[in-house]
Amino acid sequence: MDGSDLMNISLLVTNTGNSPAYEIRLTDPLNSTLFDPTTFTYTPVPGYNIYINGSMVYIIGNPGTFLNNTSGNNTQYFNFTVNATNNVPSNSTFTNQANGIFYSMPTAFNQTRVSSVSSNLVNIKTVAPSVAKVVVSTSEPDSTGNNVMIGEVVGYGLKFNNS
C-alpha cells in the first residue's frame, strides 16, 4: 500500500445468536496518519445511516432495524472506501479494528439488553522503499550493464523504488 492508494473496506456483520440483533451500531476509528477521511465514500444500506465525523466512521441502524438470526438472512455487509494519506510513512504497519453494539429488543422495550462486539484486528502495511546504484553512462561503447573496464569513466545514478 502506497500513499494515496484507494482502500476498499468491508465490514461483515453476522448474527449467530438466538434472536434478532436490533439497531446495530458500528464504529470504525480510522488512523489519521494512514487514512485521509476527506476521501471517504460508502455504499448506502437501507435502514442505516453511514457517515464519518473526523476520522471515526459511524454505521447506525435506524429504530426498528434488525439483523435476523436465521440462516440466509443473518448477514449484512457495510462497504466504504477511503484513500491513504499522501504522506503515509513507508515500511510501517497500522492496525484497524471496528466495534459494534446491538440490542436484544427494539430500544423502545423496557427489557432491552445491549451487547458489544469487536471485529478482528487487521494489519495494513505500507511498502518499504529501496535504493540501488545503477550505471547511467560509460566512456566505452562496448560496456554493458554493470560490467565496466579499468580506467573507464562511469556515470552512476540512484534508482528509488517505492513499490
N, C-alpha and C. Protein backbone atom coordinates (compact mmCIF):
# COMPACT_ATOMS: atom_id res chain seq x y z
N MET A 1 0.84 -1.15 0.00
CA MET A 1 0.00 0.00 0.00
C MET A 1 0.89 1.23 0.00
N ASP A 2 0.60 2.15 -0.91
CA ASP A 2 1.34 3.40 -1.07
C ASP A 2 0.47 4.59 -0.69
N GLY A 3 1.09 5.75 -0.58
CA GLY A 3 0.36 6.98 -0.35
C GLY A 3 -0.67 7.22 -1.45
N SER A 4 -1.84 7.68 -1.08
CA SER A 4 -2.97 7.99 -1.96
C SER A 4 -3.69 6.76 -2.52
N ASP A 5 -3.23 5.56 -2.23
CA ASP A 5 -3.93 4.36 -2.71
C ASP A 5 -5.35 4.30 -2.16
N LEU A 6 -6.27 3.84 -2.99
CA LEU A 6 -7.66 3.65 -2.58
C LEU A 6 -7.79 2.32 -1.86
N MET A 7 -8.44 2.34 -0.70
CA MET A 7 -8.67 1.12 0.07
C MET A 7 -10.17 0.86 0.13
N ASN A 8 -10.56 -0.36 -0.17
CA ASN A 8 -11.95 -0.80 -0.06
C ASN A 8 -12.10 -1.55 1.25
N ILE A 9 -13.00 -1.09 2.08
CA ILE A 9 -13.19 -1.69 3.40
C ILE A 9 -14.59 -2.26 3.47
N SER A 10 -14.68 -3.53 3.87
CA SER A 10 -15.97 -4.20 4.04
C SER A 10 -16.07 -4.69 5.47
N LEU A 11 -17.14 -4.30 6.13
CA LEU A 11 -17.44 -4.82 7.46
C LEU A 11 -18.59 -5.79 7.30
N LEU A 12 -18.37 -7.04 7.64
CA LEU A 12 -19.40 -8.07 7.56
C LEU A 12 -19.91 -8.34 8.97
N VAL A 13 -21.21 -8.14 9.14
CA VAL A 13 -21.86 -8.43 10.42
C VAL A 13 -22.69 -9.69 10.23
N THR A 14 -22.47 -10.67 11.10
CA THR A 14 -23.21 -11.93 11.06
C THR A 14 -23.85 -12.16 12.43
N ASN A 15 -25.14 -12.42 12.45
CA ASN A 15 -25.85 -12.71 13.69
C ASN A 15 -25.88 -14.22 13.87
N THR A 16 -25.12 -14.71 14.83
CA THR A 16 -25.09 -16.15 15.13
C THR A 16 -25.82 -16.45 16.44
N GLY A 17 -26.53 -15.46 16.96
CA GLY A 17 -27.23 -15.63 18.23
C GLY A 17 -28.57 -16.33 18.08
N ASN A 18 -29.34 -16.32 19.16
CA ASN A 18 -30.62 -17.00 19.21
C ASN A 18 -31.81 -16.09 18.91
N SER A 19 -31.55 -14.81 18.70
CA SER A 19 -32.63 -13.87 18.40
C SER A 19 -32.09 -12.76 17.50
N PRO A 20 -32.99 -11.95 16.92
CA PRO A 20 -32.52 -10.85 16.07
C PRO A 20 -31.65 -9.86 16.84
N ALA A 21 -30.76 -9.19 16.12
CA ALA A 21 -29.93 -8.12 16.69
C ALA A 21 -30.52 -6.79 16.19
N TYR A 22 -31.00 -5.99 17.12
CA TYR A 22 -31.70 -4.75 16.77
C TYR A 22 -30.76 -3.54 16.79
N GLU A 23 -31.03 -2.63 15.88
CA GLU A 23 -30.39 -1.32 15.84
C GLU A 23 -28.87 -1.40 16.00
N ILE A 24 -28.26 -2.15 15.12
CA ILE A 24 -26.81 -2.33 15.14
C ILE A 24 -26.14 -0.97 14.97
N ARG A 25 -25.10 -0.73 15.75
CA ARG A 25 -24.31 0.50 15.68
C ARG A 25 -22.84 0.12 15.63
N LEU A 26 -22.20 0.49 14.54
CA LEU A 26 -20.78 0.19 14.35
C LEU A 26 -19.96 1.47 14.35
N THR A 27 -18.77 1.39 14.88
CA THR A 27 -17.81 2.48 14.78
C THR A 27 -16.49 1.89 14.30
N ASP A 28 -15.81 2.63 13.44
CA ASP A 28 -14.52 2.20 12.92
C ASP A 28 -13.57 3.39 12.98
N PRO A 29 -12.69 3.41 13.99
CA PRO A 29 -11.76 4.54 14.09
C PRO A 29 -10.65 4.41 13.04
N LEU A 30 -10.55 5.39 12.16
CA LEU A 30 -9.54 5.37 11.10
C LEU A 30 -8.32 6.17 11.55
N ASN A 31 -7.18 5.54 11.53
CA ASN A 31 -5.93 6.19 11.91
C ASN A 31 -5.65 7.33 10.94
N SER A 32 -5.57 8.56 11.43
CA SER A 32 -5.42 9.72 10.55
C SER A 32 -4.04 9.82 9.93
N THR A 33 -3.06 9.06 10.40
CA THR A 33 -1.76 9.01 9.74
C THR A 33 -1.85 8.17 8.47
N LEU A 34 -2.72 7.17 8.46
CA LEU A 34 -2.88 6.27 7.32
C LEU A 34 -4.03 6.72 6.41
N PHE A 35 -5.19 6.99 6.97
CA PHE A 35 -6.40 7.26 6.19
C PHE A 35 -6.64 8.75 6.00
N ASP A 36 -7.08 9.13 4.81
CA ASP A 36 -7.49 10.51 4.52
C ASP A 36 -9.01 10.56 4.59
N PRO A 37 -9.57 11.03 5.71
CA PRO A 37 -11.03 10.98 5.87
C PRO A 37 -11.80 11.84 4.87
N THR A 38 -11.15 12.79 4.21
CA THR A 38 -11.85 13.63 3.24
C THR A 38 -12.19 12.86 1.97
N THR A 39 -11.63 11.65 1.80
CA THR A 39 -11.90 10.84 0.60
C THR A 39 -12.93 9.75 0.86
N PHE A 40 -13.54 9.74 2.04
CA PHE A 40 -14.49 8.71 2.44
C PHE A 40 -15.73 8.69 1.53
N THR A 41 -16.06 7.51 1.03
CA THR A 41 -17.32 7.28 0.32
C THR A 41 -17.87 5.95 0.82
N TYR A 42 -19.17 5.74 0.65
CA TYR A 42 -19.78 4.50 1.14
C TYR A 42 -20.88 4.04 0.20
N THR A 43 -21.23 2.77 0.35
CA THR A 43 -22.37 2.20 -0.35
C THR A 43 -23.57 2.25 0.59
N PRO A 44 -24.64 2.94 0.22
CA PRO A 44 -25.81 3.03 1.11
C PRO A 44 -26.41 1.65 1.41
N VAL A 45 -26.91 1.49 2.62
CA VAL A 45 -27.61 0.29 3.05
C VAL A 45 -28.95 0.74 3.62
N PRO A 46 -30.06 0.26 3.07
CA PRO A 46 -31.37 0.69 3.58
C PRO A 46 -31.50 0.43 5.08
N GLY A 47 -32.00 1.44 5.80
CA GLY A 47 -32.21 1.31 7.24
C GLY A 47 -31.02 1.73 8.08
N TYR A 48 -29.93 2.16 7.45
CA TYR A 48 -28.72 2.53 8.18
C TYR A 48 -28.22 3.89 7.74
N ASN A 49 -27.77 4.68 8.69
CA ASN A 49 -27.10 5.95 8.41
C ASN A 49 -25.60 5.69 8.50
N ILE A 50 -24.89 6.04 7.45
CA ILE A 50 -23.45 5.82 7.38
C ILE A 50 -22.80 7.18 7.15
N TYR A 51 -21.84 7.52 8.01
CA TYR A 51 -21.17 8.81 7.86
C TYR A 51 -19.82 8.78 8.58
N ILE A 52 -19.03 9.81 8.33
CA ILE A 52 -17.74 9.95 9.02
C ILE A 52 -17.75 11.29 9.75
N ASN A 53 -17.22 11.29 10.94
CA ASN A 53 -17.07 12.52 11.73
C ASN A 53 -15.63 12.54 12.21
N GLY A 54 -14.84 13.48 11.70
CA GLY A 54 -13.41 13.46 12.00
C GLY A 54 -12.80 12.26 11.30
N SER A 55 -12.24 11.35 12.08
CA SER A 55 -11.69 10.12 11.50
C SER A 55 -12.44 8.88 12.00
N MET A 56 -13.64 9.08 12.53
CA MET A 56 -14.46 7.96 13.01
C MET A 56 -15.61 7.70 12.04
N VAL A 57 -15.70 6.45 11.55
CA VAL A 57 -16.81 6.04 10.69
C VAL A 57 -17.93 5.52 11.60
N TYR A 58 -19.14 5.98 11.33
CA TYR A 58 -20.31 5.55 12.08
C TYR A 58 -21.29 4.86 11.13
N ILE A 59 -21.81 3.71 11.56
CA ILE A 59 -22.86 2.99 10.85
C ILE A 59 -23.94 2.75 11.90
N ILE A 60 -25.07 3.45 11.75
CA ILE A 60 -26.09 3.47 12.79
C ILE A 60 -27.41 2.93 12.24
N GLY A 61 -27.90 1.85 12.84
CA GLY A 61 -29.19 1.29 12.45
C GLY A 61 -30.33 2.18 12.90
N ASN A 62 -31.26 2.43 12.02
CA ASN A 62 -32.44 3.22 12.37
C ASN A 62 -33.29 2.46 13.38
N PRO A 63 -34.12 3.17 14.16
CA PRO A 63 -35.02 2.48 15.10
C PRO A 63 -35.85 1.42 14.37
N GLY A 64 -35.90 0.24 14.95
CA GLY A 64 -36.67 -0.86 14.37
C GLY A 64 -35.90 -1.75 13.41
N THR A 65 -34.71 -1.33 12.98
CA THR A 65 -33.92 -2.21 12.09
C THR A 65 -33.37 -3.38 12.89
N PHE A 66 -33.23 -4.50 12.23
CA PHE A 66 -32.65 -5.66 12.91
C PHE A 66 -32.01 -6.58 11.89
N LEU A 67 -31.13 -7.42 12.40
CA LEU A 67 -30.49 -8.45 11.60
C LEU A 67 -30.97 -9.78 12.15
N ASN A 68 -31.65 -10.55 11.30
CA ASN A 68 -32.22 -11.82 11.72
C ASN A 68 -31.15 -12.80 12.17
N ASN A 69 -31.58 -13.83 12.84
CA ASN A 69 -30.67 -14.88 13.27
C ASN A 69 -30.90 -16.18 12.49
N THR A 70 -31.69 -16.13 11.45
CA THR A 70 -31.94 -17.33 10.65
C THR A 70 -30.99 -17.37 9.47
N SER A 71 -30.51 -18.54 9.15
CA SER A 71 -29.54 -18.71 8.07
C SER A 71 -30.10 -18.12 6.77
N GLY A 72 -29.24 -17.40 6.05
CA GLY A 72 -29.66 -16.77 4.81
C GLY A 72 -30.07 -15.32 5.00
N ASN A 73 -30.51 -14.97 6.18
CA ASN A 73 -30.91 -13.59 6.49
C ASN A 73 -30.10 -13.01 7.64
N ASN A 74 -28.98 -13.64 7.98
CA ASN A 74 -28.27 -13.24 9.19
C ASN A 74 -26.96 -12.50 8.93
N THR A 75 -26.73 -12.02 7.70
CA THR A 75 -25.50 -11.29 7.42
C THR A 75 -25.81 -9.96 6.73
N GLN A 76 -24.94 -9.00 6.94
CA GLN A 76 -25.06 -7.70 6.28
C GLN A 76 -23.65 -7.14 6.07
N TYR A 77 -23.38 -6.75 4.83
CA TYR A 77 -22.12 -6.08 4.51
C TYR A 77 -22.31 -4.58 4.58
N PHE A 78 -21.31 -3.89 5.09
CA PHE A 78 -21.22 -2.44 5.06
C PHE A 78 -19.90 -2.11 4.38
N ASN A 79 -19.97 -1.43 3.24
CA ASN A 79 -18.78 -1.17 2.42
C ASN A 79 -18.51 0.32 2.32
N PHE A 80 -17.24 0.66 2.46
CA PHE A 80 -16.83 2.04 2.23
C PHE A 80 -15.41 2.06 1.68
N THR A 81 -15.06 3.20 1.09
CA THR A 81 -13.72 3.37 0.55
C THR A 81 -13.10 4.63 1.16
N VAL A 82 -11.80 4.62 1.24
CA VAL A 82 -11.04 5.77 1.73
C VAL A 82 -9.62 5.65 1.18
N ASN A 83 -9.02 6.78 0.85
CA ASN A 83 -7.65 6.77 0.34
C ASN A 83 -6.66 6.86 1.48
N ALA A 84 -5.46 6.37 1.22
CA ALA A 84 -4.35 6.59 2.14
C ALA A 84 -3.93 8.05 2.03
N THR A 85 -3.36 8.59 3.08
CA THR A 85 -2.85 9.95 3.00
C THR A 85 -1.68 9.99 2.02
N ASN A 86 -1.41 11.17 1.48
CA ASN A 86 -0.30 11.32 0.53
C ASN A 86 1.04 11.04 1.17
N ASN A 87 1.17 11.36 2.44
CA ASN A 87 2.47 11.25 3.11
C ASN A 87 2.49 10.14 4.16
N VAL A 88 1.77 9.05 3.89
CA VAL A 88 1.77 7.93 4.84
C VAL A 88 3.20 7.39 4.96
N PRO A 89 3.69 7.14 6.17
CA PRO A 89 5.05 6.64 6.33
C PRO A 89 5.24 5.27 5.66
N SER A 90 6.35 5.13 4.94
CA SER A 90 6.64 3.86 4.29
C SER A 90 7.17 2.86 5.32
N ASN A 91 7.11 1.60 4.93
CA ASN A 91 7.61 0.49 5.76
C ASN A 91 7.01 0.52 7.17
N SER A 92 5.71 0.77 7.24
CA SER A 92 5.01 0.85 8.52
C SER A 92 3.83 -0.11 8.54
N THR A 93 3.37 -0.45 9.73
CA THR A 93 2.19 -1.29 9.90
C THR A 93 1.19 -0.54 10.78
N PHE A 94 -0.04 -0.51 10.30
CA PHE A 94 -1.13 0.14 11.03
C PHE A 94 -2.18 -0.92 11.34
N THR A 95 -2.81 -0.82 12.50
CA THR A 95 -3.88 -1.75 12.85
C THR A 95 -5.22 -1.03 12.76
N ASN A 96 -6.25 -1.80 12.49
CA ASN A 96 -7.60 -1.25 12.42
C ASN A 96 -8.55 -2.28 13.00
N GLN A 97 -9.50 -1.80 13.79
CA GLN A 97 -10.50 -2.67 14.39
C GLN A 97 -11.81 -1.90 14.57
N ALA A 98 -12.87 -2.48 14.07
CA ALA A 98 -14.20 -1.88 14.23
C ALA A 98 -14.86 -2.42 15.49
N ASN A 99 -15.78 -1.65 16.03
CA ASN A 99 -16.52 -2.06 17.23
C ASN A 99 -18.00 -1.88 16.97
N GLY A 100 -18.80 -2.66 17.69
CA GLY A 100 -20.24 -2.55 17.49
C GLY A 100 -21.02 -2.85 18.75
N ILE A 101 -22.24 -2.33 18.74
CA ILE A 101 -23.21 -2.69 19.78
C ILE A 101 -24.51 -3.01 19.08
N PHE A 102 -25.34 -3.80 19.75
CA PHE A 102 -26.67 -4.13 19.25
C PHE A 102 -27.56 -4.41 20.45
N TYR A 103 -28.84 -4.45 20.19
CA TYR A 103 -29.82 -4.62 21.26
C TYR A 103 -30.59 -5.92 21.08
N SER A 104 -31.03 -6.49 22.20
CA SER A 104 -31.76 -7.75 22.17
C SER A 104 -33.22 -7.55 21.74
N MET A 105 -33.71 -6.35 21.89
CA MET A 105 -35.07 -5.98 21.52
C MET A 105 -35.02 -4.56 20.97
N PRO A 106 -36.07 -4.11 20.28
CA PRO A 106 -36.09 -2.70 19.89
C PRO A 106 -35.92 -1.82 21.12
N THR A 107 -35.23 -0.69 20.97
CA THR A 107 -34.89 0.13 22.13
C THR A 107 -36.10 0.70 22.87
N ALA A 108 -37.30 0.65 22.28
CA ALA A 108 -38.50 1.14 22.96
C ALA A 108 -38.95 0.20 24.08
N PHE A 109 -38.48 -1.05 24.08
CA PHE A 109 -38.87 -2.01 25.11
C PHE A 109 -38.08 -1.76 26.39
N ASN A 110 -38.74 -1.97 27.55
CA ASN A 110 -38.08 -1.75 28.84
C ASN A 110 -37.01 -2.79 29.15
N GLN A 111 -37.13 -3.99 28.64
CA GLN A 111 -36.20 -5.07 28.97
C GLN A 111 -35.09 -5.24 27.93
N THR A 112 -34.81 -4.22 27.17
CA THR A 112 -33.77 -4.30 26.15
C THR A 112 -32.40 -4.47 26.78
N ARG A 113 -31.61 -5.39 26.25
CA ARG A 113 -30.23 -5.60 26.71
C ARG A 113 -29.29 -5.19 25.58
N VAL A 114 -28.23 -4.53 25.96
CA VAL A 114 -27.24 -4.12 24.97
C VAL A 114 -26.05 -5.07 25.02
N SER A 115 -25.52 -5.43 23.86
CA SER A 115 -24.34 -6.28 23.76
C SER A 115 -23.31 -5.57 22.90
N SER A 116 -22.05 -5.88 23.12
CA SER A 116 -20.99 -5.26 22.33
C SER A 116 -20.11 -6.33 21.71
N VAL A 117 -19.44 -5.94 20.64
CA VAL A 117 -18.59 -6.87 19.91
C VAL A 117 -17.50 -6.07 19.21
N SER A 118 -16.34 -6.69 18.99
CA SER A 118 -15.25 -6.07 18.24
C SER A 118 -14.88 -6.96 17.07
N SER A 119 -14.44 -6.34 16.00
CA SER A 119 -14.02 -7.11 14.82
C SER A 119 -12.64 -7.70 15.05
N ASN A 120 -12.23 -8.50 14.08
CA ASN A 120 -10.85 -8.97 14.12
C ASN A 120 -9.92 -7.78 13.91
N LEU A 121 -8.69 -7.91 14.35
CA LEU A 121 -7.69 -6.87 14.21
C LEU A 121 -7.02 -7.02 12.84
N VAL A 122 -7.04 -5.96 12.04
CA VAL A 122 -6.48 -6.00 10.69
C VAL A 122 -5.19 -5.20 10.66
N ASN A 123 -4.13 -5.77 10.08
CA ASN A 123 -2.86 -5.07 9.89
C ASN A 123 -2.77 -4.57 8.46
N ILE A 124 -2.45 -3.31 8.31
CA ILE A 124 -2.28 -2.69 6.99
C ILE A 124 -0.83 -2.25 6.89
N LYS A 125 -0.12 -2.77 5.90
CA LYS A 125 1.32 -2.49 5.77
C LYS A 125 1.58 -1.60 4.57
N THR A 126 2.47 -0.63 4.77
CA THR A 126 2.90 0.21 3.66
C THR A 126 4.20 -0.36 3.10
N VAL A 127 4.50 -0.01 1.86
CA VAL A 127 5.66 -0.59 1.18
C VAL A 127 6.96 -0.06 1.77
N ALA A 128 7.99 -0.87 1.63
CA ALA A 128 9.33 -0.49 2.06
C ALA A 128 10.10 0.03 0.84
N PRO A 129 10.61 1.23 0.91
CA PRO A 129 11.35 1.76 -0.23
C PRO A 129 12.72 1.11 -0.35
N SER A 130 13.30 1.19 -1.54
CA SER A 130 14.66 0.69 -1.74
C SER A 130 15.38 1.65 -2.67
N VAL A 131 16.68 1.61 -2.61
CA VAL A 131 17.50 2.44 -3.48
C VAL A 131 18.62 1.56 -4.04
N ALA A 132 18.96 1.78 -5.31
CA ALA A 132 20.02 1.00 -5.96
C ALA A 132 20.88 1.93 -6.80
N LYS A 133 22.17 1.63 -6.83
CA LYS A 133 23.10 2.38 -7.68
C LYS A 133 23.08 1.70 -9.05
N VAL A 134 22.90 2.49 -10.11
CA VAL A 134 22.85 1.94 -11.46
C VAL A 134 23.80 2.70 -12.37
N VAL A 135 24.34 2.01 -13.37
CA VAL A 135 25.21 2.65 -14.36
C VAL A 135 24.32 3.41 -15.34
N VAL A 136 24.59 4.71 -15.50
CA VAL A 136 23.81 5.55 -16.38
C VAL A 136 24.53 5.74 -17.72
N SER A 137 25.86 5.90 -17.65
CA SER A 137 26.64 6.09 -18.87
C SER A 137 28.07 5.62 -18.66
N THR A 138 28.74 5.29 -19.76
CA THR A 138 30.15 4.89 -19.72
C THR A 138 30.88 5.52 -20.89
N SER A 139 32.21 5.58 -20.77
CA SER A 139 33.01 6.16 -21.85
C SER A 139 33.33 5.14 -22.93
N GLU A 140 33.03 3.90 -22.72
CA GLU A 140 33.33 2.84 -23.70
C GLU A 140 32.02 2.27 -24.24
N PRO A 141 31.84 2.27 -25.57
CA PRO A 141 30.58 1.80 -26.15
C PRO A 141 30.32 0.30 -25.99
N ASP A 142 31.37 -0.51 -25.75
CA ASP A 142 31.14 -1.95 -25.63
C ASP A 142 30.88 -2.39 -24.20
N SER A 143 30.81 -1.46 -23.24
CA SER A 143 30.45 -1.81 -21.87
C SER A 143 28.95 -2.01 -21.78
N THR A 144 28.53 -3.03 -21.04
CA THR A 144 27.10 -3.31 -20.88
C THR A 144 26.77 -3.53 -19.41
N GLY A 145 25.64 -3.02 -19.01
CA GLY A 145 25.18 -3.22 -17.63
C GLY A 145 26.17 -2.69 -16.63
N ASN A 146 26.48 -3.50 -15.62
CA ASN A 146 27.43 -3.12 -14.58
C ASN A 146 28.85 -3.58 -14.90
N ASN A 147 29.06 -4.17 -16.07
CA ASN A 147 30.40 -4.65 -16.46
C ASN A 147 31.14 -3.50 -17.14
N VAL A 148 32.11 -2.92 -16.42
CA VAL A 148 32.90 -1.82 -16.95
C VAL A 148 34.38 -2.19 -16.89
N MET A 149 35.19 -1.43 -17.62
CA MET A 149 36.62 -1.73 -17.70
C MET A 149 37.43 -0.80 -16.82
N ILE A 150 38.63 -1.27 -16.47
CA ILE A 150 39.54 -0.45 -15.67
C ILE A 150 39.87 0.80 -16.48
N GLY A 151 39.82 1.95 -15.84
CA GLY A 151 40.12 3.21 -16.48
C GLY A 151 38.94 3.85 -17.19
N GLU A 152 37.87 3.17 -17.26
CA GLU A 152 36.68 3.70 -17.93
C GLU A 152 36.02 4.77 -17.06
N VAL A 153 35.45 5.79 -17.70
CA VAL A 153 34.70 6.83 -16.99
C VAL A 153 33.24 6.36 -16.93
N VAL A 154 32.73 6.26 -15.70
CA VAL A 154 31.38 5.72 -15.50
C VAL A 154 30.52 6.76 -14.79
N GLY A 155 29.32 6.96 -15.32
CA GLY A 155 28.34 7.82 -14.65
C GLY A 155 27.30 6.95 -13.95
N TYR A 156 27.11 7.22 -12.66
CA TYR A 156 26.18 6.43 -11.86
C TYR A 156 24.94 7.26 -11.54
N GLY A 157 23.85 6.58 -11.29
CA GLY A 157 22.62 7.22 -10.83
C GLY A 157 22.03 6.40 -9.71
N LEU A 158 21.07 6.98 -9.05
CA LEU A 158 20.36 6.27 -7.99
C LEU A 158 18.94 5.99 -8.46
N LYS A 159 18.52 4.76 -8.27
CA LYS A 159 17.17 4.36 -8.63
C LYS A 159 16.39 4.10 -7.35
N PHE A 160 15.32 4.90 -7.15
CA PHE A 160 14.47 4.75 -5.98
C PHE A 160 13.24 3.93 -6.36
N ASN A 161 12.91 2.97 -5.52
CA ASN A 161 11.72 2.14 -5.76
C ASN A 161 10.89 2.15 -4.49
N ASN A 162 9.64 2.52 -4.64
CA ASN A 162 8.73 2.59 -3.50
C ASN A 162 7.50 1.73 -3.72
N SER A 163 7.71 0.59 -4.37
CA SER A 163 6.57 -0.31 -4.57
C SER A 163 7.01 -1.75 -4.56
